[in-house]
C-alpha atoms as a PDB file:
ATOM      1  CA  UNK A   1      -0.067   0.162  -0.196  1.00  0.00           C
ATOM      2  CA  UNK A   2       1.018   3.250  -0.841  1.00  0.00           C
ATOM      3  CA  UNK A   3       1.878   6.138   1.649  1.00  0.00           C
ATOM      4  CA  UNK A   4      -0.559   8.259   0.604  1.00  0.00           C
ATOM      5  CA  UNK A   5      -3.378   5.201   0.244  1.00  0.00           C
ATOM      6  CA  UNK A   6      -2.301   4.278   3.666  1.00  0.00           C
ATOM      7  CA  UNK A   7      -3.121   8.163   4.930  1.00  0.00           C
ATOM      8  CA  UNK A   8      -6.615   8.096   3.223  1.00  0.00           C
ATOM      9  CA  UNK A   9      -7.814   4.815   4.633  1.00  0.00           C
ATOM     10  CA  UNK A  10      -6.864   5.865   8.119  1.00  0.00           C
ATOM     11  CA  UNK A  11      -8.561   9.081   7.413  1.00  0.00           C
ATOM     12  CA  UNK A  12     -11.536   7.134   6.295  1.00  0.00           C
ATOM     13  CA  UNK A  13     -11.108   5.419   9.841  1.00  0.00           C
ATOM     14  CA  UNK A  14     -11.400   8.339  12.092  1.00  0.00           C
ATOM     15  CA  UNK A  15     -13.937   9.852   9.917  1.00  0.00           C
ATOM     16  CA  UNK A  16     -15.881   6.305  10.747  1.00  0.00           C
ATOM     17  CA  UNK A  17     -15.292   6.688  14.333  1.00  0.00           C
ATOM     18  CA  UNK A  18     -16.217  10.534  14.654  1.00  0.00           C
ATOM     19  CA  UNK A  19     -19.595   9.544  13.026  1.00  0.00           C
ATOM     20  CA  UNK A  20     -20.231   6.648  15.350  1.00  0.00           C
ATOM     21  CA  UNK A  21     -19.492   9.158  18.482  1.00  0.00           C
ATOM     22  CA  UNK A  22     -21.628  11.156  16.851  1.00  0.00           C
ATOM     23  CA  UNK A  23     -24.235   8.575  16.782  1.00  0.00           C
ATOM     24  CA  UNK A  24     -23.345   8.070  21.111  1.00  0.00           C
ATOM     25  CA  UNK A  25     -23.607  11.035  21.839  1.00  0.00           C
ATOM     26  CA  UNK A  26     -27.431  11.221  20.538  1.00  0.00           C
ATOM     27  CA  UNK A  27     -28.345   8.268  22.582  1.00  0.00           C
ATOM     28  CA  UNK A  28     -27.157   9.704  25.748  1.00  0.00           C
ATOM     29  CA  UNK A  29     -28.123  13.483  24.534  1.00  0.00           C
ATOM     30  CA  UNK A  30     -31.819  11.929  23.971  1.00  0.00           C
ATOM     31  CA  UNK A  31     -31.793   9.490  26.989  1.00  0.00           C
ATOM     32  CA  UNK A  32     -30.526  12.150  29.434  1.00  0.00           C
ATOM     33  CA  UNK A  33     -32.676  15.272  27.704  1.00  0.00           C
ATOM     34  CA  UNK A  34     -29.433  16.632  27.102  1.00  0.00           C
ATOM     35  CA  UNK A  35     -29.907  19.679  25.217  1.00  0.00           C
ATOM     36  CA  UNK A  36     -26.420  20.861  24.096  1.00  0.00           C
ATOM     37  CA  UNK A  37     -25.337  17.153  23.423  1.00  0.00           C
ATOM     38  CA  UNK A  38     -28.314  16.660  21.383  1.00  0.00           C
ATOM     39  CA  UNK A  39     -27.388  20.148  19.297  1.00  0.00           C
ATOM     40  CA  UNK A  40     -23.654  19.010  19.299  1.00  0.00           C
ATOM     41  CA  UNK A  41     -25.022  16.117  17.156  1.00  0.00           C
ATOM     42  CA  UNK A  42     -26.606  18.520  14.148  1.00  0.00           C
ATOM     43  CA  UNK A  43     -24.791  20.901  12.211  1.00  0.00           C
ATOM     44  CA  UNK A  44     -27.132  24.426  12.652  1.00  0.00           C
ATOM     45  CA  UNK A  45     -28.862  24.492  10.046  1.00  0.00           C
ATOM     46  CA  UNK A  46     -29.858  20.538   9.632  1.00  0.00           C
ATOM     47  CA  UNK A  47     -32.930  18.876   9.132  1.00  0.00           C
ATOM     48  CA  UNK A  48     -35.369  16.519  11.189  1.00  0.00           C
ATOM     49  CA  UNK A  49     -37.885  14.426  10.030  1.00  0.00           C
ATOM     50  CA  UNK A  50     -39.168  12.637  13.203  1.00  0.00           C
ATOM     51  CA  UNK A  51     -42.604  12.033  11.763  1.00  0.00           C
ATOM     52  CA  UNK A  52     -45.140  14.477  14.386  1.00  0.00           C
ATOM     53  CA  UNK A  53     -41.921  17.112  13.377  1.00  0.00           C
ATOM     54  CA  UNK A  54     -40.234  17.849  10.711  1.00  0.00           C
ATOM     55  CA  UNK A  55     -38.067  21.007  10.268  1.00  0.00           C
ATOM     56  CA  UNK A  56     -35.017  22.418  12.038  1.00  0.00           C
ATOM     57  CA  UNK A  57     -32.860  19.590  13.897  1.00  0.00           C
ATOM     58  CA  UNK A  58     -32.166  22.043  16.792  1.00  0.00           C
ATOM     59  CA  UNK A  59     -35.494  23.614  17.380  1.00  0.00           C
ATOM     60  CA  UNK A  60     -36.464  19.802  17.333  1.00  0.00           C
ATOM     61  CA  UNK A  61     -34.096  19.068  20.162  1.00  0.00           C
ATOM     62  CA  UNK A  62     -34.924  22.199  21.991  1.00  0.00           C
ATOM     63  CA  UNK A  63     -38.935  20.769  21.616  1.00  0.00           C
ATOM     64  CA  UNK A  64     -37.964  17.377  22.991  1.00  0.00           C
ATOM     65  CA  UNK A  65     -36.140  17.964  26.049  1.00  0.00           C
ATOM     66  CA  UNK A  66     -39.248  21.017  26.812  1.00  0.00           C
ATOM     67  CA  UNK A  67     -41.152  18.165  27.053  1.00  0.00           C
ATOM     68  CA  UNK A  68     -38.947  15.233  27.753  1.00  0.00           C
ATOM     69  CA  UNK A  69     -40.541  15.143  31.257  1.00  0.00           C
ATOM     70  CA  UNK A  70     -44.089  15.014  30.269  1.00  0.00           C
ATOM     71  CA  UNK A  71     -44.209  12.705  27.372  1.00  0.00           C
ATOM     72  CA  UNK A  72     -41.148  10.294  29.179  1.00  0.00           C
ATOM     73  CA  UNK A  73     -41.346  10.681  32.695  1.00  0.00           C
ATOM     74  CA  UNK A  74     -39.111   7.696  33.811  1.00  0.00           C
ATOM     75  CA  UNK A  75     -36.900   7.941  30.773  1.00  0.00           C
ATOM     76  CA  UNK A  76     -35.934   5.923  27.866  1.00  0.00           C
ATOM     77  CA  UNK A  77     -33.031   3.795  27.036  1.00  0.00           C
ATOM     78  CA  UNK A  78     -31.574   3.857  22.690  1.00  0.00           C
ATOM     79  CA  UNK A  79     -29.865   1.223  21.551  1.00  0.00           C
ATOM     80  CA  UNK A  80     -28.280   1.546  18.709  1.00  0.00           C
ATOM     81  CA  UNK A  81     -26.295  -1.134  16.026  1.00  0.00           C
ATOM     82  CA  UNK A  82     -23.314  -0.142  14.321  1.00  0.00           C
ATOM     83  CA  UNK A  83     -24.256   2.416  11.570  1.00  0.00           C
ATOM     84  CA  UNK A  84     -23.805   1.179   7.680  1.00  0.00           C
ATOM     85  CA  UNK A  85     -21.764   4.189   6.089  1.00  0.00           C
ATOM     86  CA  UNK A  86     -21.373   5.397   2.231  1.00  0.00           C
ATOM     87  CA  UNK A  87     -18.298   8.206   1.875  1.00  0.00           C
ATOM     88  CA  UNK A  88     -18.324  10.520  -0.596  1.00  0.00           C
ATOM     89  CA  UNK A  89     -15.761  13.321   0.023  1.00  0.00           C
ATOM     90  CA  UNK A  90     -16.964  15.202   2.877  1.00  0.00           C
ATOM     91  CA  UNK A  91     -20.896  14.041   2.974  1.00  0.00           C
ATOM     92  CA  UNK A  92     -21.460  10.562   4.229  1.00  0.00           C
ATOM     93  CA  UNK A  93     -25.095   8.413   4.477  1.00  0.00           C
ATOM     94  CA  UNK A  94     -25.497   6.243   7.385  1.00  0.00           C
ATOM     95  CA  UNK A  95     -28.213   3.919   8.003  1.00  0.00           C
ATOM     96  CA  UNK A  96     -27.992   2.977  11.608  1.00  0.00           C
ATOM     97  CA  UNK A  97     -31.009   0.770  13.815  1.00  0.00           C
ATOM     98  CA  UNK A  98     -32.560   2.010  16.542  1.00  0.00           C
ATOM     99  CA  UNK A  99     -34.604   0.680  19.503  1.00  0.00           C
ATOM    100  CA  UNK A 100     -35.845   2.880  21.980  1.00  0.00           C
ATOM    101  CA  UNK A 101     -37.436   1.451  24.863  1.00  0.00           C
ATOM    102  CA  UNK A 102     -39.736   4.059  27.032  1.00  0.00           C
ATOM    103  CA  UNK A 103     -42.103   4.473  29.882  1.00  0.00           C
ATOM    104  CA  UNK A 104     -44.024   6.858  27.855  1.00  0.00           C
ATOM    105  CA  UNK A 105     -47.218   9.268  28.072  1.00  0.00           C
ATOM    106  CA  UNK A 106     -50.205  10.447  26.011  1.00  0.00           C
ATOM    107  CA  UNK A 107     -53.062  11.635  26.591  1.00  0.00           C
ATOM    108  CA  UNK A 108     -54.780   8.055  27.717  1.00  0.00           C
ATOM    109  CA  UNK A 109     -52.202   7.776  30.263  1.00  0.00           C
ATOM    110  CA  UNK A 110     -48.795   6.093  30.456  1.00  0.00           C
ATOM    111  CA  UNK A 111     -47.828   3.545  28.471  1.00  0.00           C
ATOM    112  CA  UNK A 112     -45.036   0.959  28.011  1.00  0.00           C
ATOM    113  CA  UNK A 113     -43.397   1.065  24.411  1.00  0.00           C
ATOM    114  CA  UNK A 114     -40.819  -0.423  22.298  1.00  0.00           C
ATOM    115  CA  UNK A 115     -39.940   1.006  19.147  1.00  0.00           C
ATOM    116  CA  UNK A 116     -37.650  -0.228  16.429  1.00  0.00           C
ATOM    117  CA  UNK A 117     -36.945   1.378  13.506  1.00  0.00           C
ATOM    118  CA  UNK A 118     -33.698   3.160  11.366  1.00  0.00           C
ATOM    119  CA  UNK A 119     -31.956   6.997  11.598  1.00  0.00           C
ATOM    120  CA  UNK A 120     -31.354   7.859   8.004  1.00  0.00           C
ATOM    121  CA  UNK A 121     -28.414  10.537   8.077  1.00  0.00           C
ATOM    122  CA  UNK A 122     -26.705  12.272   5.893  1.00  0.00           C
ATOM    123  CA  UNK A 123     -23.670  13.965   7.713  1.00  0.00           C
ATOM    124  CA  UNK A 124     -21.362  16.644   6.506  1.00  0.00           C
ATOM    125  CA  UNK A 125     -17.944  17.234   7.680  1.00  0.00           C
ATOM    126  CA  UNK A 126     -17.662  21.505   7.824  1.00  0.00           C
ATOM    127  CA  UNK A 127     -15.057  22.919   9.586  1.00  0.00           C
ATOM    128  CA  UNK A 128     -13.186  19.762  10.115  1.00  0.00           C
ATOM    129  CA  UNK A 129     -16.551  18.228  12.096  1.00  0.00           C
ATOM    130  CA  UNK A 130     -18.732  15.844  11.163  1.00  0.00           C
ATOM    131  CA  UNK A 131     -22.105  16.752  12.014  1.00  0.00           C
ATOM    132  CA  UNK A 132     -25.616  15.448  10.657  1.00  0.00           C
ATOM    133  CA  UNK A 133     -26.768  17.489   8.217  1.00  0.00           C
ATOM    134  CA  UNK A 134     -30.578  15.532   7.501  1.00  0.00           C
ATOM    135  CA  UNK A 135     -31.680  13.257   9.517  1.00  0.00           C
ATOM    136  CA  UNK A 136     -35.106  10.896   8.949  1.00  0.00           C
ATOM    137  CA  UNK A 137     -36.821   8.299  11.489  1.00  0.00           C
ATOM    138  CA  UNK A 138     -38.159   5.555   9.767  1.00  0.00           C
ATOM    139  CA  UNK A 139     -40.079   2.808  11.887  1.00  0.00           C
ATOM    140  CA  UNK A 140     -40.160  -0.529  11.233  1.00  0.00           C
ATOM    141  CA  UNK A 141     -42.570  -1.596  14.104  1.00  0.00           C
ATOM    142  CA  UNK A 142     -43.288  -0.111  17.456  1.00  0.00           C
ATOM    143  CA  UNK A 143     -45.402  -2.451  20.263  1.00  0.00           C
ATOM    144  CA  UNK A 144     -47.152  -1.069  23.264  1.00  0.00           C
ATOM    145  CA  UNK A 145     -49.032  -2.240  26.609  1.00  0.00           C
ATOM    146  CA  UNK A 146     -51.698  -1.153  25.228  1.00  0.00           C
ATOM    147  CA  UNK A 147     -53.663  -2.098  21.908  1.00  0.00           C
ATOM    148  CA  UNK A 148     -53.662   1.635  20.972  1.00  0.00           C
ATOM    149  CA  UNK A 149     -50.677   3.352  20.084  1.00  0.00           C
ATOM    150  CA  UNK A 150     -50.003   6.909  20.875  1.00  0.00           C
ATOM    151  CA  UNK A 151     -50.792   9.227  18.303  1.00  0.00           C
ATOM    152  CA  UNK A 152     -47.300   9.917  17.346  1.00  0.00           C
ATOM    153  CA  UNK A 153     -46.858   6.725  15.964  1.00  0.00           C
ATOM    154  CA  UNK A 154     -50.291   6.804  14.504  1.00  0.00           C
ATOM    155  CA  UNK A 155     -50.386   6.433  10.601  1.00  0.00           C
ATOM    156  CA  UNK A 156     -51.836   9.890   9.015  1.00  0.00           C
ATOM    157  CA  UNK A 157     -50.159  13.559   8.418  1.00  0.00           C
ATOM    158  CA  UNK A 158     -47.393  13.880  10.052  1.00  0.00           C
ATOM    159  CA  UNK A 159     -46.456  10.257  10.413  1.00  0.00           C
ATOM    160  CA  UNK A 160     -42.512   8.735  11.046  1.00  0.00           C
ATOM    161  CA  UNK A 161     -41.993   6.940   7.374  1.00  0.00           C
ATOM    162  CA  UNK A 162     -42.448   3.837   7.580  1.00  0.00           C
ATOM    163  CA  UNK A 163     -39.706   0.965   6.314  1.00  0.00           C
ATOM    164  CA  UNK A 164     -40.370  -1.619   4.105  1.00  0.00           C
ATOM    165  CA  UNK A 165     -38.565  -4.918   3.356  1.00  0.00           C
ATOM    166  CA  UNK A 166     -38.452  -4.222  -0.453  1.00  0.00           C
ATOM    167  CA  UNK A 167     -36.670  -1.445  -2.664  1.00  0.00           C
ATOM    168  CA  UNK A 168     -39.737   0.676  -2.112  1.00  0.00           C
ATOM    169  CA  UNK A 169     -37.753   1.345   2.089  1.00  0.00           C
ATOM    170  CA  UNK A 170     -36.520   5.010   2.420  1.00  0.00           C
ATOM    171  CA  UNK A 171     -33.147   3.738   2.845  1.00  0.00           C
ATOM    172  CA  UNK A 172     -33.334   3.556  -1.228  1.00  0.00           C
ATOM    173  CA  UNK A 173     -34.255   7.643  -1.342  1.00  0.00           C
ATOM    174  CA  UNK A 174     -32.073   9.050   0.975  1.00  0.00           C
ATOM    175  CA  UNK A 175     -29.178   9.928  -1.290  1.00  0.00           C
ATOM    176  CA  UNK A 176     -31.533  12.027  -3.452  1.00  0.00           C
ATOM    177  CA  UNK A 177     -32.845  13.922  -0.247  1.00  0.00           C
ATOM    178  CA  UNK A 178     -29.561  15.076   0.125  1.00  0.00           C
END
């Protein structure tokens, strides 16, 4: 391997590690309702599509933290897989499987909820730092201890994008979105 190829391979490993660190920070920030930690995962102009919220990611973080005590009074845990990452220069597309387990609250009271899905992230390296530029949360399934799911998981408008077991899945469109 040439010295140039070796440096390029090392740079890619370091990039991958930095992206994985951003994802771990997001999980911790979400589970601890840590606004600064959550915001550190996104570029200031990043876009978030979380079903019930579609817009600026920093504003999403602010709303999530502001409502954490009422929506998830007993907290929760996010478990994330090792991400699949495809690089193109200073841009990367990342698919990370996520399972979130929580006690949550809706208009009908408390319920236990398990959510399984994926984060489809477009990362960009700006100013030497990798951050999320665009995120779409995909729901593969959700189960609760009640037959009726909370409003934010129901189909309708707005809805979390739903995963499919074919090429219609949102992962195949993520490069087109940004």
